[in-house]
Amino acid sequence: MKSALLTSGSDKDLKLIFELSKKIGLRSRLLTEKQIEELSLINAIKKGRTGSFVDTEKFLKSLKNDR
């Protein structure tokens, strides 16, 4: 399955594209800005998981050195 995310400043244009997608048999869904942010956060969490643990001391030292 492939997906596309379309954004528009015009509700009228977005509604037209949404109606067209239904007519040609594509499944489509309108997402709120909050839903898009949540999906982005989920994706970032999944990419960030490595299965290894971080050394707490090294991490805290690296934070202190950034100042």
Protein backbone atom coordinates (compact mmCIF):
# COMPACT_ATOMS: atom_id res chain seq x y z
CA MET A 1 0.00 0.00 0.00
CA LYS A 2 1.23 3.49 -0.81
CA SER A 3 0.04 6.72 0.77
CA ALA A 4 0.07 10.41 -0.01
CA LEU A 5 -0.35 13.36 2.30
CA LEU A 6 -1.79 16.51 0.78
CA THR A 7 -2.04 19.88 2.49
CA SER A 8 -3.75 23.00 1.31
CA GLY A 9 -4.53 26.44 2.59
CA SER A 10 -7.88 26.21 0.82
CA ASP A 11 -10.64 24.10 2.33
CA LYS A 12 -12.47 24.27 -1.00
CA ASP A 13 -9.53 22.81 -2.95
CA LEU A 14 -8.92 20.09 -0.38
CA LYS A 15 -12.59 19.12 -0.42
CA LEU A 16 -12.47 18.87 -4.24
CA ILE A 17 -9.44 16.55 -4.12
CA PHE A 18 -11.10 14.48 -1.40
CA GLU A 19 -14.28 14.07 -3.48
CA LEU A 20 -12.25 13.20 -6.58
CA SER A 21 -10.33 10.52 -4.72
CA LYS A 22 -13.62 8.90 -3.66
CA LYS A 23 -14.93 8.97 -7.25
CA ILE A 24 -11.87 7.18 -8.63
CA GLY A 25 -12.00 4.53 -5.91
CA LEU A 26 -9.22 5.64 -3.59
CA ARG A 27 -9.61 5.34 0.14
CA SER A 28 -9.13 8.75 1.66
CA ARG A 29 -9.35 10.35 5.05
CA LEU A 30 -9.14 13.91 6.26
CA LEU A 31 -6.79 14.33 9.21
CA THR A 32 -6.69 17.12 11.74
CA GLU A 33 -3.43 18.90 12.46
CA LYS A 34 -3.33 17.15 15.84
CA GLN A 35 -3.66 13.71 14.20
CA ILE A 36 -0.81 14.53 11.82
CA GLU A 37 1.39 15.63 14.74
CA GLU A 38 0.59 12.42 16.62
CA LEU A 39 1.46 10.27 13.61
CA SER A 40 4.74 12.15 13.22
CA LEU A 41 5.57 11.61 16.89
CA ILE A 42 4.77 7.89 16.64
CA ASN A 43 7.04 7.61 13.60
CA ALA A 44 9.89 9.45 15.36
CA ILE A 45 9.58 7.16 18.40
CA LYS A 46 9.68 4.04 16.21
CA LYS A 47 12.77 5.29 14.35
CA GLY A 48 14.49 6.22 17.61
CA ARG A 49 14.12 2.79 19.18
CA THR A 50 17.37 0.91 18.85
CA GLY A 51 16.89 -1.79 21.48
CA SER A 52 20.06 -0.74 23.30
CA PHE A 53 20.31 1.11 26.57
CA VAL A 54 21.96 4.49 27.02
CA ASP A 55 24.58 4.94 29.71
CA THR A 56 22.91 7.44 32.05
CA GLU A 57 26.16 8.97 33.29
CA LYS A 58 27.51 9.56 29.78
CA PHE A 59 24.20 11.05 28.70
CA LEU A 60 24.06 13.46 31.65
CA LYS A 61 27.69 14.50 31.07
CA SER A 62 26.95 15.18 27.40
CA LEU A 63 24.06 17.43 28.41
CA LYS A 64 26.28 19.37 30.83
CA ASN A 65 29.00 19.78 28.17
CA ASP A 66 26.53 21.34 25.69
CA ARG A 67 26.14 24.46 27.83
